[in-house]
Structure formats: structure tokens, C-alpha cells
Amino acid sequence: MVDLALSPDQQAVVDEAREIARRCLAPRATEHDRTGAFPAENISDLHAAGLLGLLVPEEYGGRGADLTTWALVVAELAEACGSTGLIFAMHSGAVRLVAAGAAGSPFAERVLREVVTEGKLLAWGFSEPGTGAQLLAPQLTAFPDGDQLHLSGTKAFCTAAGHADYYLVNADSGEQDFLTGQTMALVPADTVGLSVKEVWDALGMRANCANTLLLDCRIPVGNAIGGRGGGLLLLSQALPALFLGLSAASLGVARAARAFADAHVLRRTLANTGQPLAAFQGVRLHTADMAVSVKVAHLMLLHAAWVVDTDPAQAIPALNMAKYVANRAALDVADTAMLVTGGRGYLRSNPLERHYRDARAGAVMGSNLDVLRDLIGKTALGLDPFSDTVPERDPAQEPAS
């Protein structure tokens, strides 16, 4: 039986994140959206609260939280400030991968402890100009050069690029075997030959600073988490955090849009009737649609996190569904909220137009909505999600018509 109830300890962490989000992040969100400036003060507040190390294992000084608690924290942060929630999610996903390969790696252990004690920020650089969200097909190369690795290539849409302390990038190791074909390199920001091209000026998530990384640099072999060519197995530990983080960020944006709309229809009174908008059935029907969308996305997020912990073989299908549902919820709720609030919601003086723009991010980050639909459809038909070929069926095994 699936038990989605939070323990008192889990709820305490979520409540802590909600308090910080509302007190610190929310008041700054409009200005960060207007200027596109990186929310450095928000990151400092998260470090002061011990949240940057939420997924760092306890043996390295972190809080060792489970993915359910962590995903709900992402949603709380994103509800207050979408960009900060997304930055935190990407940082934590990188932390999870580094932690998976920390045993026997003094460098990885040192970085994890720096996250906890110094508030070091990690960025996850996996997308590339030529491959987009195809995370398992990097064009960036990592070839041996004595006791170093030579990294050569470009990473695109790297959240927090120019502001992170370390960049986790996946690279082609040059091996023909798929299982040893990727290297996960953790690159300090001050590495000679690493530079950031500031290109981020986006519709939404404007303080995300998802800039381009240019790499023609050398790092010690010890900076390859899991060793050269050992990254793919570690990636299986970190991808759930990536998908859950993106899903949770969309859930947070959807909740924020719904909250604005609910408050507006209860407060906004029509002069000719003296009744608030909530007195009209049509408005309540739209409100119901938003409530259902948010609730379903919330439950899908909890379910996906539960599956990751209890049935890893089914994790990817559950994560695909969770991200699709949460991304769609953000889009649909923001659109409906704009409909029921009318001109008020359209004004930049209100936060809804920011939520409306931020909602678009989930649909294009990671696997986009059509890619997710295709993967979900293949899984539903029992097909190979990595192939577009439909194998011939044995007529003897077909159900009787």
C-alpha cells in the first residue's frame, strides 16, 4: 500500500522551508524577475538554514533528507520564487550525484562538506547546443592527458552559470561501451579554460541565469566522479532528483498562480451586484479545475518519489508522468488564473503575470512535453522507450476480438 502521509520530521522540514520562502524569498521575487539578477541573497538564506545540504548524506555533515521531503521543499521555494526553486533543485540534483560517487573520493567528499559548511553552490551542466535534452548523448569530450582529463566542448542552459562554485558536467569518455561511455566531471568555477557566456534573457525564470559554459580545460582525474567512464551508473542515482526537481518547481508555480486567483475572486467585488467573483458559478468551476490540477500534480509528485525509493525499476515511467502532469498543471492553472482575474492578473504590478511566464519553463526544461507524452505512450503500449520501432506481434498472443 502506498502511504503518502508525511512523518512529523518530514513535515517539520517542509514547514521550515515554507517559512523561509515566505519571509525571505517571496519579498524579493518581483525584483529578481524584473532585473534578471541572480538571487544570491536567497541562496545565502538557504545555506544559513541548512537547506543547501539537504541531500548531502549525514556522514558528510548534511541532513540526509529523503527525496519526498526534498521535492516538497523545492515546491515551497518555487511557490515563492520560481528561479530560486529551480536553482536549488539543480544544485541538489548535482549534490545527489556527487554523493553517490563520494566513497573513496577525497575530492567529492571535500566538495560535499563545503556545501554544508561554506554554502558552496553546484550547477548541473548537461544540455548542449547540438543535443538539447538528450542527456545521454554528450558531445563534450573528456580525454586522458597524463594524470589529467582534457574537457573540450560547450554546455547550454546551465542553471546558475556564472554564479556557481562547481559545475557538474557529463562528457563522452571515448569508450565504445555504452556503460563506460560517460564521465561525470566536477569542475571548479575558477578552472583555467572554463568560461561563461552570459546569454540568459528569458521569458520566465528570469533570475535562473541559465548561461552557456565554454570548456577547453584540464582537471585532475580525481575530479571525475566515479572515475573516468564511470558516470553512467551514478547518473541513475541523480536523474530521479532532476525529474522530481523540475516537477516540484512546476508544482510550486501552479500553486502560486492558484493562490493569487483564489484570493482575487474572493476579494474582487462587482459594483452592480455587490457580490465577489466567487459568487458566480462559472468562476467556481474554473476554481475547481485549478484545485484539481494542483492536487493531482501534488499526488503524482509524492507517488513518483515513493516509487524511486521502493521500486527503482519503475522509477522512470513514474517520473515521466509526474513531470508531464506537473508541467501541464503549471500551464493550465496559470492560464485559468489569468482568465478569472482578467486585467488585474495581466498587470505587472501583480505576481500572476510572473507565474504565467514562469509556468512555460517546465515545458521546455529537461524532456519537453511532447517527448514525455511519447515516452508515456510507449510505456503504456509495452514498447521499448528508446526505440521508434514497433516489433511484430505474435498473433497467437493477441486477445480474442
Protein backbone atom coordinates (compact mmCIF):
# COMPACT_ATOMS: atom_id res chain seq x y z
CA MET A 1 0.00 0.00 0.00
CA VAL A 2 1.26 3.47 -0.89
CA ASP A 3 1.50 5.67 2.21
CA LEU A 4 1.87 9.31 1.15
CA ALA A 5 1.47 10.78 4.62
CA LEU A 6 4.47 12.76 5.88
CA SER A 7 6.17 11.87 9.14
CA PRO A 8 6.50 14.62 11.77
CA ASP A 9 10.18 15.00 10.86
CA GLN A 10 9.39 15.36 7.16
CA GLN A 11 6.64 17.88 7.83
CA ALA A 12 8.96 19.91 10.07
CA VAL A 13 11.47 20.35 7.23
CA VAL A 14 8.74 21.35 4.77
CA ASP A 15 7.33 23.84 7.28
CA GLU A 16 10.81 25.28 7.79
CA ALA A 17 11.23 25.76 4.05
CA ARG A 18 7.80 27.39 3.77
CA GLU A 19 8.66 29.90 6.49
CA ILE A 20 11.95 30.86 4.83
CA ALA A 21 10.31 31.04 1.41
CA ARG A 22 7.57 33.39 2.54
CA ARG A 23 9.76 35.54 4.78
CA CYS A 24 12.88 35.84 2.61
CA LEU A 25 12.29 34.70 -0.98
CA ALA A 26 8.80 35.99 -1.79
CA PRO A 27 9.50 39.68 -1.00
CA ARG A 28 12.45 39.69 -3.43
CA ALA A 29 10.90 37.69 -6.25
CA THR A 30 9.45 40.58 -8.23
CA GLU A 31 12.73 42.50 -8.28
CA HIS A 32 14.73 39.43 -9.32
CA ASP A 33 12.24 38.80 -12.11
CA ARG A 34 12.39 42.43 -13.25
CA THR A 35 16.19 42.67 -13.32
CA GLY A 36 17.13 39.06 -14.01
CA ALA A 37 19.75 39.36 -11.28
CA PHE A 38 20.94 36.15 -9.66
CA PRO A 39 19.25 35.64 -6.26
CA ALA A 40 22.49 35.41 -4.27
CA GLU A 41 20.86 36.60 -1.05
CA ASN A 42 18.27 33.84 -1.33
CA ILE A 43 20.99 31.23 -1.70
CA SER A 44 22.73 32.61 1.38
CA ASP A 45 19.48 32.32 3.33
CA LEU A 46 19.06 28.70 2.23
CA HIS A 47 22.60 27.95 3.34
CA ALA A 48 22.04 29.62 6.71
CA ALA A 49 19.01 27.38 7.21
CA GLY A 50 20.99 24.25 6.30
CA LEU A 51 18.90 23.59 3.20
CA LEU A 52 21.73 23.64 0.64
CA GLY A 53 22.94 20.43 2.26
CA LEU A 54 19.50 18.83 2.43
CA LEU A 55 20.53 15.94 0.15
CA VAL A 56 24.10 15.70 1.47
CA PRO A 57 24.39 12.44 3.44
CA GLU A 58 24.77 12.77 7.19
CA GLU A 59 28.25 11.24 7.12
CA TYR A 60 29.43 14.32 5.24
CA GLY A 61 27.67 16.74 7.56
CA GLY A 62 24.42 17.12 5.64
CA ARG A 63 20.84 16.43 6.60
CA GLY A 64 20.44 13.29 4.51
CA ALA A 65 16.83 14.01 3.60
CA ASP A 66 14.69 11.66 1.55
CA LEU A 67 13.50 12.64 -1.92
CA THR A 68 9.90 13.16 -0.83
CA THR A 69 10.85 15.77 1.75
CA TRP A 70 13.29 17.41 -0.63
CA ALA A 71 10.79 17.62 -3.52
CA LEU A 72 8.22 19.28 -1.29
CA VAL A 73 10.87 21.78 -0.18
CA VAL A 74 11.55 22.60 -3.85
CA ALA A 75 7.83 23.24 -4.34
CA GLU A 76 7.73 25.60 -1.35
CA LEU A 77 10.69 27.60 -2.64
CA ALA A 78 9.35 27.73 -6.20
CA GLU A 79 5.96 28.93 -4.99
CA ALA A 80 7.72 31.96 -3.52
CA CYS A 81 10.32 32.44 -6.26
CA GLY A 82 10.39 30.16 -9.27
CA SER A 83 14.00 30.92 -10.17
CA THR A 84 15.31 30.20 -6.67
CA GLY A 85 13.36 26.95 -6.51
CA LEU A 86 14.84 25.85 -9.82
CA ILE A 87 18.40 26.83 -8.86
CA PHE A 88 18.03 24.88 -5.62
CA ALA A 89 16.64 21.86 -7.47
CA MET A 90 19.54 21.73 -9.95
CA HIS A 91 22.10 22.23 -7.19
CA SER A 92 20.60 19.39 -5.18
CA GLY A 93 20.49 17.04 -8.17
CA ALA A 94 24.21 17.59 -8.70
CA VAL A 95 24.79 17.05 -4.97
CA ARG A 96 23.00 13.71 -5.14
CA LEU A 97 25.23 12.50 -7.97
CA VAL A 98 28.40 13.64 -6.21
CA ALA A 99 27.23 11.89 -3.04
CA ALA A 100 26.63 8.67 -4.99
CA GLY A 101 30.30 8.65 -6.01
CA ALA A 102 31.83 10.10 -2.86
CA ALA A 103 33.00 6.82 -1.33
CA GLY A 104 36.75 6.65 -1.90
CA SER A 105 36.86 10.11 -3.50
CA PRO A 106 38.52 12.72 -1.26
CA PHE A 107 37.62 15.46 -3.76
CA ALA A 108 33.92 14.58 -3.81
CA GLU A 109 33.84 14.33 -0.03
CA ARG A 110 35.52 17.72 0.30
CA VAL A 111 33.00 19.36 -2.02
CA LEU A 112 30.06 17.90 -0.11
CA ARG A 113 31.44 19.23 3.16
CA GLU A 114 31.98 22.65 1.54
CA VAL A 115 28.32 22.69 0.51
CA VAL A 116 27.32 22.19 4.12
CA THR A 117 29.86 24.42 5.88
CA GLU A 118 30.52 27.15 3.31
CA GLY A 119 27.36 27.22 1.22
CA LYS A 120 29.13 26.23 -1.98
CA LEU A 121 26.69 26.09 -4.89
CA LEU A 122 26.73 23.35 -7.53
CA ALA A 123 25.40 23.71 -11.07
CA TRP A 124 24.36 20.88 -13.34
CA GLY A 125 25.56 21.30 -16.94
CA PHE A 126 24.07 18.55 -19.10
CA SER A 127 22.25 20.24 -22.00
CA GLU A 128 24.24 21.08 -25.12
CA PRO A 129 23.59 23.22 -28.19
CA GLY A 130 23.52 20.21 -30.51
CA THR A 131 21.73 17.63 -28.37
CA GLY A 132 19.41 19.66 -26.13
CA ALA A 133 17.74 17.50 -23.51
CA GLN A 134 19.29 14.25 -24.78
CA LEU A 135 21.34 13.85 -21.63
CA LEU A 136 22.89 10.54 -22.65
CA ALA A 137 24.48 11.84 -25.85
CA PRO A 138 27.08 14.45 -24.78
CA GLN A 139 29.35 15.99 -27.39
CA LEU A 140 31.63 17.41 -24.72
CA THR A 141 34.70 15.16 -24.56
CA ALA A 142 36.86 14.07 -21.62
CA PHE A 143 40.09 12.51 -22.83
CA PRO A 144 43.14 11.47 -20.76
CA ASP A 145 46.13 13.78 -20.71
CA GLY A 146 48.66 12.33 -18.29
CA ASP A 147 47.14 12.49 -14.82
CA GLN A 148 44.53 14.93 -16.05
CA LEU A 149 41.41 14.94 -18.19
CA HIS A 150 41.05 17.37 -21.06
CA LEU A 151 37.50 18.68 -21.30
CA SER A 152 36.51 20.20 -24.62
CA GLY A 153 33.06 21.38 -25.64
CA THR A 154 30.06 23.51 -24.75
CA LYS A 155 27.18 23.21 -22.32
CA ALA A 156 23.98 25.23 -22.79
CA PHE A 157 21.22 26.34 -20.43
CA CYS A 158 23.33 25.66 -17.35
CA THR A 159 21.33 26.98 -14.39
CA ALA A 160 23.36 29.38 -12.18
CA ALA A 161 26.24 29.50 -14.67
CA GLY A 162 28.49 32.40 -13.67
CA HIS A 163 27.44 32.15 -10.02
CA ALA A 164 28.08 28.52 -9.04
CA ASP A 165 31.23 27.33 -7.30
CA TYR A 166 31.35 23.98 -9.09
CA TYR A 167 29.97 22.69 -12.38
CA LEU A 168 28.99 19.05 -12.79
CA VAL A 169 29.16 18.18 -16.49
CA ASN A 170 28.80 14.89 -18.32
CA ALA A 171 31.22 14.15 -21.15
CA ASP A 172 31.95 11.49 -23.74
CA SER A 173 34.76 9.36 -22.34
CA GLY A 174 35.72 7.99 -25.76
CA GLU A 175 34.80 4.41 -24.83
CA GLN A 176 32.66 2.38 -27.22
CA ASP A 177 30.86 0.51 -24.45
CA PHE A 178 27.70 2.42 -23.56
CA LEU A 179 28.06 1.64 -19.86
CA THR A 180 31.53 3.20 -19.72
CA GLY A 181 30.89 5.92 -22.27
CA GLN A 182 30.32 8.85 -19.94
CA THR A 183 32.45 10.74 -17.46
CA MET A 184 30.93 12.95 -14.78
CA ALA A 185 33.40 15.79 -14.21
CA LEU A 186 33.12 18.21 -11.30
CA VAL A 187 34.84 21.40 -12.42
CA PRO A 188 35.72 24.25 -10.03
CA ALA A 189 34.47 27.60 -11.30
CA ASP A 190 37.97 29.11 -11.28
CA THR A 191 39.46 26.41 -13.55
CA VAL A 192 41.64 27.89 -16.29
CA GLY A 193 39.94 27.33 -19.64
CA LEU A 194 36.39 27.38 -18.24
CA SER A 195 34.36 30.45 -19.14
CA VAL A 196 30.73 31.53 -19.03
CA LYS A 197 28.94 33.21 -21.91
CA GLU A 198 26.07 35.24 -20.47
CA VAL A 199 23.15 34.67 -22.83
CA TRP A 200 20.23 34.25 -20.43
CA ASP A 201 17.49 36.81 -21.04
CA ALA A 202 14.38 34.70 -20.88
CA LEU A 203 10.60 34.92 -20.87
CA GLY A 204 10.30 33.38 -17.41
CA MET A 205 12.52 32.09 -14.60
CA ARG A 206 14.45 35.23 -15.35
CA ALA A 207 16.83 35.03 -12.38
CA ASN A 208 17.75 31.45 -13.27
CA CYS A 209 20.92 32.64 -15.09
CA ALA A 210 20.99 29.53 -17.29
CA ASN A 211 24.02 30.64 -19.27
CA THR A 212 26.40 28.82 -21.61
CA LEU A 213 29.57 27.07 -20.42
CA LEU A 214 32.60 27.04 -22.69
CA LEU A 215 35.15 24.40 -21.74
CA ASP A 216 38.67 23.85 -23.03
CA CYS A 217 40.32 22.96 -19.77
CA ARG A 218 42.14 20.27 -17.82
CA ILE A 219 41.13 18.85 -14.47
CA PRO A 220 42.70 16.19 -12.24
CA VAL A 221 41.48 12.66 -12.93
CA GLY A 222 40.25 12.65 -9.33
CA ASN A 223 37.66 15.30 -10.27
CA ALA A 224 35.82 12.69 -12.34
CA ILE A 225 33.11 11.43 -10.01
CA GLY A 226 33.10 7.65 -10.22
CA GLY A 227 36.29 7.74 -12.27
CA ARG A 228 36.75 8.20 -16.00
CA GLY A 229 33.90 6.45 -17.79
CA GLY A 230 32.14 5.66 -14.55
CA GLY A 231 29.45 8.27 -14.69
CA LEU A 232 26.51 6.44 -16.22
CA LEU A 233 25.77 4.27 -13.19
CA LEU A 234 25.94 7.36 -10.99
CA LEU A 235 23.57 9.18 -13.31
CA SER A 236 20.89 6.63 -12.48
CA GLN A 237 21.12 7.85 -8.88
CA ALA A 238 20.79 11.51 -9.83
CA LEU A 239 18.21 11.54 -12.65
CA PRO A 240 15.31 10.99 -10.22
CA ALA A 241 16.30 14.19 -8.45
CA LEU A 242 16.45 16.05 -11.77
CA PHE A 243 12.95 14.95 -12.79
CA LEU A 244 11.48 15.41 -9.32
CA GLY A 245 13.08 18.84 -9.02
CA LEU A 246 11.65 20.05 -12.31
CA SER A 247 8.25 18.58 -11.41
CA ALA A 248 8.28 20.19 -7.97
CA ALA A 249 9.25 23.59 -9.38
CA SER A 250 6.26 23.46 -11.74
CA LEU A 251 4.02 22.42 -8.87
CA GLY A 252 5.19 25.43 -6.86
CA VAL A 253 4.44 27.80 -9.74
CA ALA A 254 0.99 26.24 -10.20
CA ARG A 255 0.22 26.69 -6.51
CA ALA A 256 1.32 30.31 -6.61
CA ALA A 257 -0.91 31.08 -9.62
CA ARG A 258 -3.87 29.34 -8.00
CA ALA A 259 -3.35 31.18 -4.68
CA PHE A 260 -3.42 34.55 -6.43
CA ALA A 261 -6.58 33.65 -8.36
CA ASP A 262 -8.37 32.29 -5.28
CA ALA A 263 -7.61 35.41 -3.27
CA HIS A 264 -8.70 37.65 -6.15
CA VAL A 265 -12.11 36.03 -6.75
CA LEU A 266 -12.91 36.12 -3.04
CA ARG A 267 -11.90 39.78 -2.71
CA ARG A 268 -12.93 41.36 -6.04
CA THR A 269 -16.49 42.71 -5.78
CA LEU A 270 -18.65 43.75 -8.73
CA ALA A 271 -20.23 47.17 -8.19
CA ASN A 272 -23.59 46.32 -9.77
CA THR A 273 -24.20 43.23 -7.62
CA GLY A 274 -22.16 43.83 -4.50
CA GLN A 275 -21.03 40.20 -4.73
CA PRO A 276 -17.45 38.91 -5.13
CA LEU A 277 -16.49 36.99 -8.25
CA ALA A 278 -16.65 33.77 -6.22
CA ALA A 279 -20.45 34.16 -6.11
CA PHE A 280 -20.62 33.21 -9.81
CA GLN A 281 -20.82 29.52 -10.66
CA GLY A 282 -18.65 29.92 -13.77
CA VAL A 283 -15.82 31.31 -11.66
CA ARG A 284 -16.18 28.48 -9.16
CA LEU A 285 -15.99 25.92 -11.97
CA HIS A 286 -12.66 27.41 -13.07
CA THR A 287 -11.53 27.43 -9.46
CA ALA A 288 -12.38 23.72 -9.24
CA ASP A 289 -10.29 22.98 -12.33
CA MET A 290 -7.29 24.72 -10.78
CA ALA A 291 -7.71 22.94 -7.45
CA VAL A 292 -7.90 19.53 -9.12
CA SER A 293 -4.86 20.19 -11.33
CA VAL A 294 -2.73 21.24 -8.35
CA LYS A 295 -3.87 18.30 -6.24
CA VAL A 296 -3.20 15.74 -8.96
CA ALA A 297 0.27 17.18 -9.60
CA HIS A 298 0.99 17.07 -5.86
CA LEU A 299 -0.08 13.42 -5.59
CA MET A 300 1.87 12.44 -8.71
CA LEU A 301 4.98 14.04 -7.24
CA LEU A 302 4.60 12.12 -3.97
CA HIS A 303 3.91 8.89 -5.83
CA ALA A 304 6.96 9.27 -8.07
CA ALA A 305 9.22 9.92 -5.07
CA TRP A 306 7.75 6.84 -3.36
CA VAL A 307 8.38 4.69 -6.44
CA VAL A 308 12.01 5.85 -6.65
CA ASP A 309 12.55 4.65 -3.08
CA THR A 310 10.54 1.41 -3.23
CA ASP A 311 10.58 0.14 -6.86
CA PRO A 312 13.52 1.66 -8.79
CA ALA A 313 12.74 -0.43 -11.89
CA GLN A 314 9.50 1.53 -12.32
CA ALA A 315 11.01 4.89 -11.44
CA ILE A 316 11.45 6.32 -14.93
CA PRO A 317 7.81 5.78 -16.05
CA ALA A 318 6.58 7.30 -12.78
CA LEU A 319 8.95 10.25 -13.07
CA ASN A 320 7.94 10.89 -16.69
CA MET A 321 4.28 11.01 -15.67
CA ALA A 322 4.96 13.23 -12.67
CA LYS A 323 6.87 15.77 -14.74
CA TYR A 324 4.26 15.78 -17.51
CA VAL A 325 1.38 16.27 -15.07
CA ALA A 326 3.18 18.99 -13.09
CA ASN A 327 4.29 20.88 -16.20
CA ARG A 328 0.78 20.76 -17.61
CA ALA A 329 -0.68 21.82 -14.27
CA ALA A 330 1.52 24.92 -14.20
CA LEU A 331 0.50 25.88 -17.73
CA ASP A 332 -3.21 25.17 -17.29
CA VAL A 333 -3.55 26.74 -13.85
CA ALA A 334 -1.65 29.88 -14.83
CA ASP A 335 -3.83 30.23 -17.93
CA THR A 336 -7.07 29.71 -16.00
CA ALA A 337 -5.93 32.08 -13.26
CA MET A 338 -5.31 34.75 -15.87
CA LEU A 339 -8.80 34.12 -17.25
CA VAL A 340 -10.64 34.54 -13.95
CA THR A 341 -8.60 37.55 -12.78
CA GLY A 342 -8.80 39.40 -16.08
CA GLY A 343 -6.97 42.70 -16.37
CA ARG A 344 -5.78 42.60 -12.76
CA GLY A 345 -3.78 39.45 -13.35
CA TYR A 346 -2.37 40.88 -16.56
CA LEU A 347 -0.74 43.81 -14.78
CA ARG A 348 2.94 43.64 -13.91
CA SER A 349 2.11 45.10 -10.52
CA ASN A 350 0.63 41.71 -9.61
CA PRO A 351 2.62 38.46 -9.39
CA LEU A 352 0.35 36.39 -11.62
CA GLU A 353 1.94 37.56 -14.86
CA ARG A 354 5.30 36.35 -13.48
CA HIS A 355 3.80 32.98 -12.61
CA TYR A 356 2.24 32.87 -16.07
CA ARG A 357 5.68 33.30 -17.67
CA ASP A 358 7.48 31.02 -15.20
CA ALA A 359 4.97 28.25 -15.98
CA ARG A 360 6.37 27.99 -19.51
CA ALA A 361 9.79 26.88 -18.23
CA GLY A 362 8.84 23.36 -17.20
CA ALA A 363 7.51 22.59 -20.66
CA VAL A 364 10.91 23.15 -22.27
CA MET A 365 13.36 22.16 -19.50
CA GLY A 366 14.52 18.58 -19.39
CA SER A 367 12.37 16.36 -21.59
CA ASN A 368 9.72 18.59 -23.15
CA LEU A 369 6.02 17.80 -23.07
CA ASP A 370 5.86 16.01 -26.42
CA VAL A 371 8.90 13.88 -25.60
CA LEU A 372 7.30 12.94 -22.28
CA ARG A 373 3.98 12.10 -23.97
CA ASP A 374 5.79 9.84 -26.42
CA LEU A 375 7.68 8.06 -23.64
CA ILE A 376 4.50 7.64 -21.60
CA GLY A 377 2.69 6.30 -24.68
CA LYS A 378 5.45 3.78 -25.41
CA THR A 379 5.37 2.55 -21.83
CA ALA A 380 1.58 2.23 -21.92
CA LEU A 381 1.86 0.06 -25.06
CA GLY A 382 4.67 -2.05 -23.64
CA LEU A 383 7.17 -0.75 -26.19
CA ASP A 384 10.86 -0.01 -25.82
CA PRO A 385 11.05 3.68 -24.78
CA PHE A 386 14.44 4.02 -26.50
CA SER A 387 13.24 2.77 -29.91
CA ASP A 388 10.77 4.02 -32.51
CA THR A 389 10.36 0.53 -33.98
CA VAL A 390 7.27 -1.50 -33.16
CA PRO A 391 8.18 -5.21 -33.11
CA GLU A 392 5.99 -7.74 -34.88
CA ARG A 393 3.37 -9.28 -32.64
CA ASP A 394 2.65 -12.99 -32.35
CA PRO A 395 -0.99 -13.42 -33.45
CA ALA A 396 -1.34 -16.33 -31.04
CA GLN A 397 -0.74 -13.95 -28.13
CA GLU A 398 -3.27 -11.35 -29.28
CA PRO A 399 -6.50 -11.09 -27.25
CA ALA A 400 -9.58 -12.55 -28.89
CA SER A 401 -11.67 -9.97 -30.73
